[in-house]
Amino acid sequence: MRRPERLVRRGCFESELEAAFPRLSASRIARSTRDSTTSEQRLDIMKSFHTVMFLLSLASTAFATQESMLARVTCYWTGEGPKYASTGRRLRAGHCAVDPRRIPYGSKVVFPDRACTAVDTGPAVVSRKAARLCGRTASQVKAIVVDRFFETKREAIAWTNTHPHFMTLQIVRPGSHSERAEPD
């Protein structure tokens, strides 16, 4: 067995050297296993952290209740089109037309003055014609189009004249918690 030279130089007795050497070796072995256990624990913690973060990212999209979208808001009224929406419901104040690929039917579209229910669609809404033609910035040109329904032409024009063409709307998807709290 080879003895550490530091202990020999200090003048330690042979019996002390023999007793000290196994203790040093044992402490080094214990320290190395402790370090490896610590690194294994760190790896497990890191794996757990990444798993939790991944699950939270999935959960945030699954439980998302609201989102904001820039929209070009247009208006239509009873005399301008059919009395029934594309979903079969009779149109009334508080309904709006949306692109169902972007905003599902039954969603609440929250305007500054009231919340409307998405029940209708149309080719100009899906193609975003109004946004593409009058948008001045890149975000306006890429905006969705929401066509809000009014009972009369007078109400529609009055609302259009008092509100901006582009606005950020809150979209509350059907079945979400905050949608149940709002009255229709």
C-alpha atoms as a PDB file:
ATOM      1  CA  MET A   1       0.000   0.000   0.000  1.00  0.00           C
ATOM      2  CA  ARG A   2       1.413   3.359  -0.996  1.00  0.00           C
ATOM      3  CA  ARG A   3       1.335   6.045   1.666  1.00  0.00           C
ATOM      4  CA  PRO A   4       0.941   9.767   1.035  1.00  0.00           C
ATOM      5  CA  GLU A   5       4.318  11.527   1.189  1.00  0.00           C
ATOM      6  CA  ARG A   6       2.913  14.494   3.111  1.00  0.00           C
ATOM      7  CA  LEU A   7       2.237  12.276   6.110  1.00  0.00           C
ATOM      8  CA  VAL A   8       5.675  10.643   5.915  1.00  0.00           C
ATOM      9  CA  ARG A   9       7.408  14.039   5.855  1.00  0.00           C
ATOM     10  CA  ARG A  10       5.537  15.235   8.941  1.00  0.00           C
ATOM     11  CA  GLY A  11       7.039  12.456  10.983  1.00  0.00           C
ATOM     12  CA  CYS A  12       3.911  10.413  11.566  1.00  0.00           C
ATOM     13  CA  PHE A  13       4.283   6.971  12.964  1.00  0.00           C
ATOM     14  CA  GLU A  14       3.656   3.939  10.819  1.00  0.00           C
ATOM     15  CA  SER A  15       0.517   2.990  12.723  1.00  0.00           C
ATOM     16  CA  GLU A  16      -0.881   6.497  12.286  1.00  0.00           C
ATOM     17  CA  LEU A  17      -0.198   6.342   8.557  1.00  0.00           C
ATOM     18  CA  GLU A  18      -1.897   3.003   8.190  1.00  0.00           C
ATOM     19  CA  ALA A  19      -4.938   4.283  10.077  1.00  0.00           C
ATOM     20  CA  ALA A  20      -5.113   7.615   8.237  1.00  0.00           C
ATOM     21  CA  PHE A  21      -4.754   6.266   4.715  1.00  0.00           C
ATOM     22  CA  PRO A  22      -7.942   4.157   4.700  1.00  0.00           C
ATOM     23  CA  ARG A  23      -9.869   7.071   6.207  1.00  0.00           C
ATOM     24  CA  LEU A  24      -8.644   9.407   3.457  1.00  0.00           C
ATOM     25  CA  SER A  25      -9.532   6.858   0.794  1.00  0.00           C
ATOM     26  CA  ALA A  26     -12.951   6.287   2.331  1.00  0.00           C
ATOM     27  CA  SER A  27     -13.661  10.032   2.493  1.00  0.00           C
ATOM     28  CA  ARG A  28     -12.613  10.452  -1.165  1.00  0.00           C
ATOM     29  CA  ILE A  29     -14.880   7.591  -2.206  1.00  0.00           C
ATOM     30  CA  ALA A  30     -17.752   9.002  -0.159  1.00  0.00           C
ATOM     31  CA  ARG A  31     -17.214  12.482  -1.643  1.00  0.00           C
ATOM     32  CA  SER A  32     -17.116  11.154  -5.208  1.00  0.00           C
ATOM     33  CA  THR A  33     -20.338   9.164  -4.711  1.00  0.00           C
ATOM     34  CA  ARG A  34     -21.935  12.191  -3.073  1.00  0.00           C
ATOM     35  CA  ASP A  35     -20.918  14.354  -6.054  1.00  0.00           C
ATOM     36  CA  SER A  36     -22.278  11.815  -8.528  1.00  0.00           C
ATOM     37  CA  THR A  37     -25.508  11.535  -6.558  1.00  0.00           C
ATOM     38  CA  THR A  38     -25.770  15.306  -6.593  1.00  0.00           C
ATOM     39  CA  SER A  39     -25.248  15.450 -10.337  1.00  0.00           C
ATOM     40  CA  GLU A  40     -27.814  12.674 -10.808  1.00  0.00           C
ATOM     41  CA  GLN A  41     -30.220  14.626  -8.631  1.00  0.00           C
ATOM     42  CA  ARG A  42     -29.536  17.765 -10.636  1.00  0.00           C
ATOM     43  CA  LEU A  43     -30.239  15.881 -13.856  1.00  0.00           C
ATOM     44  CA  ASP A  44     -33.503  14.528 -12.414  1.00  0.00           C
ATOM     45  CA  ILE A  45     -34.508  18.013 -11.273  1.00  0.00           C
ATOM     46  CA  MET A  46     -33.713  19.453 -14.683  1.00  0.00           C
ATOM     47  CA  LYS A  47     -35.755  16.722 -16.422  1.00  0.00           C
ATOM     48  CA  SER A  48     -38.646  17.349 -14.051  1.00  0.00           C
ATOM     49  CA  PHE A  49     -38.448  21.091 -14.631  1.00  0.00           C
ATOM     50  CA  HIS A  50     -38.534  20.716 -18.414  1.00  0.00           C
ATOM     51  CA  THR A  51     -41.431  18.258 -18.185  1.00  0.00           C
ATOM     52  CA  VAL A  52     -43.438  20.644 -16.007  1.00  0.00           C
ATOM     53  CA  MET A  53     -42.706  23.578 -18.323  1.00  0.00           C
ATOM     54  CA  PHE A  54     -43.811  21.543 -21.349  1.00  0.00           C
ATOM     55  CA  LEU A  55     -47.053  20.527 -19.631  1.00  0.00           C
ATOM     56  CA  LEU A  56     -47.730  24.115 -18.570  1.00  0.00           C
ATOM     57  CA  SER A  57     -47.272  25.310 -22.140  1.00  0.00           C
ATOM     58  CA  LEU A  58     -49.838  22.742 -23.275  1.00  0.00           C
ATOM     59  CA  ALA A  59     -52.194  23.629 -20.450  1.00  0.00           C
ATOM     60  CA  SER A  60     -52.010  27.351 -21.146  1.00  0.00           C
ATOM     61  CA  THR A  61     -53.339  26.844 -24.671  1.00  0.00           C
ATOM     62  CA  ALA A  62     -55.967  24.351 -23.510  1.00  0.00           C
ATOM     63  CA  PHE A  63     -57.280  26.625 -20.756  1.00  0.00           C
ATOM     64  CA  ALA A  64     -56.888  29.928 -22.558  1.00  0.00           C
ATOM     65  CA  THR A  65     -60.046  31.924 -21.982  1.00  0.00           C
ATOM     66  CA  GLN A  66     -59.450  35.113 -23.929  1.00  0.00           C
ATOM     67  CA  GLU A  67     -57.267  36.427 -26.652  1.00  0.00           C
ATOM     68  CA  SER A  68     -56.937  39.815 -28.290  1.00  0.00           C
ATOM     69  CA  MET A  69     -56.988  40.316 -32.039  1.00  0.00           C
ATOM     70  CA  LEU A  70     -56.683  43.363 -34.239  1.00  0.00           C
ATOM     71  CA  ALA A  71     -59.800  43.497 -36.401  1.00  0.00           C
ATOM     72  CA  ARG A  72     -61.266  45.598 -39.180  1.00  0.00           C
ATOM     73  CA  VAL A  73     -64.856  46.037 -38.051  1.00  0.00           C
ATOM     74  CA  THR A  74     -67.570  46.413 -40.675  1.00  0.00           C
ATOM     75  CA  CYS A  75     -71.348  46.515 -40.245  1.00  0.00           C
ATOM     76  CA  TYR A  76     -74.367  44.976 -41.959  1.00  0.00           C
ATOM     77  CA  TRP A  77     -78.090  45.152 -41.322  1.00  0.00           C
ATOM     78  CA  THR A  78     -81.349  43.330 -42.039  1.00  0.00           C
ATOM     79  CA  GLY A  79     -82.164  44.858 -45.440  1.00  0.00           C
ATOM     80  CA  GLU A  80     -78.667  44.230 -46.746  1.00  0.00           C
ATOM     81  CA  GLY A  81     -78.698  40.433 -46.555  1.00  0.00           C
ATOM     82  CA  PRO A  82     -80.666  37.398 -45.443  1.00  0.00           C
ATOM     83  CA  LYS A  83     -82.441  37.303 -42.072  1.00  0.00           C
ATOM     84  CA  TYR A  84     -80.735  34.052 -41.111  1.00  0.00           C
ATOM     85  CA  ALA A  85     -77.072  33.442 -40.370  1.00  0.00           C
ATOM     86  CA  SER A  86     -75.011  30.740 -42.052  1.00  0.00           C
ATOM     87  CA  THR A  87     -75.413  28.683 -38.871  1.00  0.00           C
ATOM     88  CA  GLY A  88     -79.211  28.725 -39.248  1.00  0.00           C
ATOM     89  CA  ARG A  89     -79.917  31.142 -36.401  1.00  0.00           C
ATOM     90  CA  ARG A  90     -82.063  34.181 -36.973  1.00  0.00           C
ATOM     91  CA  LEU A  91     -79.885  37.308 -36.964  1.00  0.00           C
ATOM     92  CA  ARG A  92     -80.463  39.883 -34.245  1.00  0.00           C
ATOM     93  CA  ALA A  93     -78.564  42.725 -32.609  1.00  0.00           C
ATOM     94  CA  GLY A  94     -75.616  41.261 -30.753  1.00  0.00           C
ATOM     95  CA  HIS A  95     -74.576  38.886 -33.554  1.00  0.00           C
ATOM     96  CA  CYS A  96     -71.556  39.183 -35.798  1.00  0.00           C
ATOM     97  CA  ALA A  97     -69.956  37.453 -38.768  1.00  0.00           C
ATOM     98  CA  VAL A  98     -66.430  36.027 -38.428  1.00  0.00           C
ATOM     99  CA  ASP A  99     -64.039  33.691 -40.194  1.00  0.00           C
ATOM    100  CA  PRO A 100     -64.842  30.367 -38.462  1.00  0.00           C
ATOM    101  CA  ARG A 101     -61.277  29.130 -39.023  1.00  0.00           C
ATOM    102  CA  ARG A 102     -59.956  31.958 -36.822  1.00  0.00           C
ATOM    103  CA  ILE A 103     -62.885  32.489 -34.411  1.00  0.00           C
ATOM    104  CA  PRO A 104     -65.190  29.519 -33.740  1.00  0.00           C
ATOM    105  CA  TYR A 105     -68.954  29.933 -33.922  1.00  0.00           C
ATOM    106  CA  GLY A 106     -70.436  30.636 -30.499  1.00  0.00           C
ATOM    107  CA  SER A 107     -67.473  32.745 -29.384  1.00  0.00           C
ATOM    108  CA  LYS A 108     -68.093  36.089 -27.711  1.00  0.00           C
ATOM    109  CA  VAL A 109     -66.490  39.004 -29.541  1.00  0.00           C
ATOM    110  CA  VAL A 110     -66.134  41.847 -27.055  1.00  0.00           C
ATOM    111  CA  PHE A 111     -66.508  45.318 -28.582  1.00  0.00           C
ATOM    112  CA  PRO A 112     -66.044  48.521 -26.565  1.00  0.00           C
ATOM    113  CA  ASP A 113     -69.814  48.912 -26.093  1.00  0.00           C
ATOM    114  CA  ARG A 114     -71.046  45.285 -25.894  1.00  0.00           C
ATOM    115  CA  ALA A 115     -70.233  41.638 -26.484  1.00  0.00           C
ATOM    116  CA  CYS A 116     -71.524  39.979 -29.655  1.00  0.00           C
ATOM    117  CA  THR A 117     -71.885  36.285 -30.471  1.00  0.00           C
ATOM    118  CA  ALA A 118     -70.165  34.893 -33.567  1.00  0.00           C
ATOM    119  CA  VAL A 119     -72.942  33.173 -35.568  1.00  0.00           C
ATOM    120  CA  ASP A 120     -72.375  34.116 -39.202  1.00  0.00           C
ATOM    121  CA  THR A 121     -69.727  34.267 -41.904  1.00  0.00           C
ATOM    122  CA  GLY A 122     -69.387  35.548 -45.435  1.00  0.00           C
ATOM    123  CA  PRO A 123     -66.941  35.624 -48.343  1.00  0.00           C
ATOM    124  CA  ALA A 124     -65.782  39.208 -47.631  1.00  0.00           C
ATOM    125  CA  VAL A 125     -65.132  38.295 -43.983  1.00  0.00           C
ATOM    126  CA  VAL A 126     -63.146  35.168 -44.849  1.00  0.00           C
ATOM    127  CA  SER A 127     -61.098  36.895 -47.582  1.00  0.00           C
ATOM    128  CA  ARG A 128     -60.460  39.898 -45.274  1.00  0.00           C
ATOM    129  CA  LYS A 129     -61.257  42.219 -48.187  1.00  0.00           C
ATOM    130  CA  ALA A 130     -61.985  45.286 -46.022  1.00  0.00           C
ATOM    131  CA  ALA A 131     -58.716  44.949 -44.101  1.00  0.00           C
ATOM    132  CA  ARG A 132     -56.643  44.416 -47.237  1.00  0.00           C
ATOM    133  CA  LEU A 133     -58.173  47.427 -49.001  1.00  0.00           C
ATOM    134  CA  CYS A 134     -58.098  50.063 -46.240  1.00  0.00           C
ATOM    135  CA  GLY A 135     -55.245  48.882 -44.014  1.00  0.00           C
ATOM    136  CA  ARG A 136     -52.363  51.348 -43.833  1.00  0.00           C
ATOM    137  CA  THR A 137     -49.880  49.354 -41.786  1.00  0.00           C
ATOM    138  CA  ALA A 138     -48.741  45.758 -42.145  1.00  0.00           C
ATOM    139  CA  SER A 139     -50.654  44.722 -39.015  1.00  0.00           C
ATOM    140  CA  GLN A 140     -53.843  46.346 -40.320  1.00  0.00           C
ATOM    141  CA  VAL A 141     -53.528  44.628 -43.702  1.00  0.00           C
ATOM    142  CA  LYS A 142     -53.146  41.271 -41.894  1.00  0.00           C
ATOM    143  CA  ALA A 143     -56.040  41.958 -39.471  1.00  0.00           C
ATOM    144  CA  ILE A 144     -59.120  39.755 -39.329  1.00  0.00           C
ATOM    145  CA  VAL A 145     -62.511  41.145 -40.385  1.00  0.00           C
ATOM    146  CA  VAL A 146     -65.516  41.080 -38.055  1.00  0.00           C
ATOM    147  CA  ASP A 147     -68.861  42.094 -39.578  1.00  0.00           C
ATOM    148  CA  ARG A 148     -71.202  43.309 -36.838  1.00  0.00           C
ATOM    149  CA  PHE A 149     -74.964  42.955 -37.333  1.00  0.00           C
ATOM    150  CA  PHE A 150     -77.461  45.772 -36.626  1.00  0.00           C
ATOM    151  CA  GLU A 151     -81.265  45.764 -36.907  1.00  0.00           C
ATOM    152  CA  THR A 152     -81.381  48.957 -39.003  1.00  0.00           C
ATOM    153  CA  LYS A 153     -79.122  50.772 -41.422  1.00  0.00           C
ATOM    154  CA  ARG A 154     -79.343  53.928 -39.271  1.00  0.00           C
ATOM    155  CA  GLU A 155     -77.936  52.076 -36.210  1.00  0.00           C
ATOM    156  CA  ALA A 156     -75.134  50.564 -38.302  1.00  0.00           C
ATOM    157  CA  ILE A 157     -74.038  53.870 -39.814  1.00  0.00           C
ATOM    158  CA  ALA A 158     -74.252  55.672 -36.460  1.00  0.00           C
ATOM    159  CA  TRP A 159     -72.058  53.008 -34.829  1.00  0.00           C
ATOM    160  CA  THR A 160     -69.563  53.058 -37.732  1.00  0.00           C
ATOM    161  CA  ASN A 161     -69.235  56.854 -37.536  1.00  0.00           C
ATOM    162  CA  THR A 162     -68.503  56.839 -33.790  1.00  0.00           C
ATOM    163  CA  HIS A 163     -65.959  53.983 -33.736  1.00  0.00           C
ATOM    164  CA  PRO A 164     -62.604  53.450 -35.476  1.00  0.00           C
ATOM    165  CA  HIS A 165     -62.358  51.068 -38.443  1.00  0.00           C
ATOM    166  CA  PHE A 166     -59.619  49.030 -36.757  1.00  0.00           C
ATOM    167  CA  MET A 167     -59.796  48.017 -33.105  1.00  0.00           C
ATOM    168  CA  THR A 168     -58.420  45.368 -30.800  1.00  0.00           C
ATOM    169  CA  LEU A 169     -61.196  42.972 -29.847  1.00  0.00           C
ATOM    170  CA  GLN A 170     -61.292  40.420 -27.055  1.00  0.00           C
ATOM    171  CA  ILE A 171     -62.317  36.939 -28.218  1.00  0.00           C
ATOM    172  CA  VAL A 172     -63.831  34.611 -25.608  1.00  0.00           C
ATOM    173  CA  ARG A 173     -64.025  31.076 -26.974  1.00  0.00           C
ATOM    174  CA  PRO A 174     -67.143  28.960 -26.344  1.00  0.00           C
ATOM    175  CA  GLY A 175     -67.130  26.878 -23.177  1.00  0.00           C
ATOM    176  CA  SER A 176     -64.466  28.941 -21.425  1.00  0.00           C
ATOM    177  CA  HIS A 177     -64.911  29.937 -17.786  1.00  0.00           C
ATOM    178  CA  SER A 178     -65.126  33.709 -18.401  1.00  0.00           C
ATOM    179  CA  GLU A 179     -67.714  33.227 -21.160  1.00  0.00           C
ATOM    180  CA  ARG A 180     -70.197  31.674 -18.684  1.00  0.00           C
ATOM    181  CA  ALA A 181     -69.871  34.681 -16.396  1.00  0.00           C
ATOM    182  CA  GLU A 182     -70.892  37.203 -19.067  1.00  0.00           C
ATOM    183  CA  PRO A 183     -74.597  37.760 -19.783  1.00  0.00           C
ATOM    184  CA  ASP A 184     -75.765  37.419 -23.401  1.00  0.00           C
END
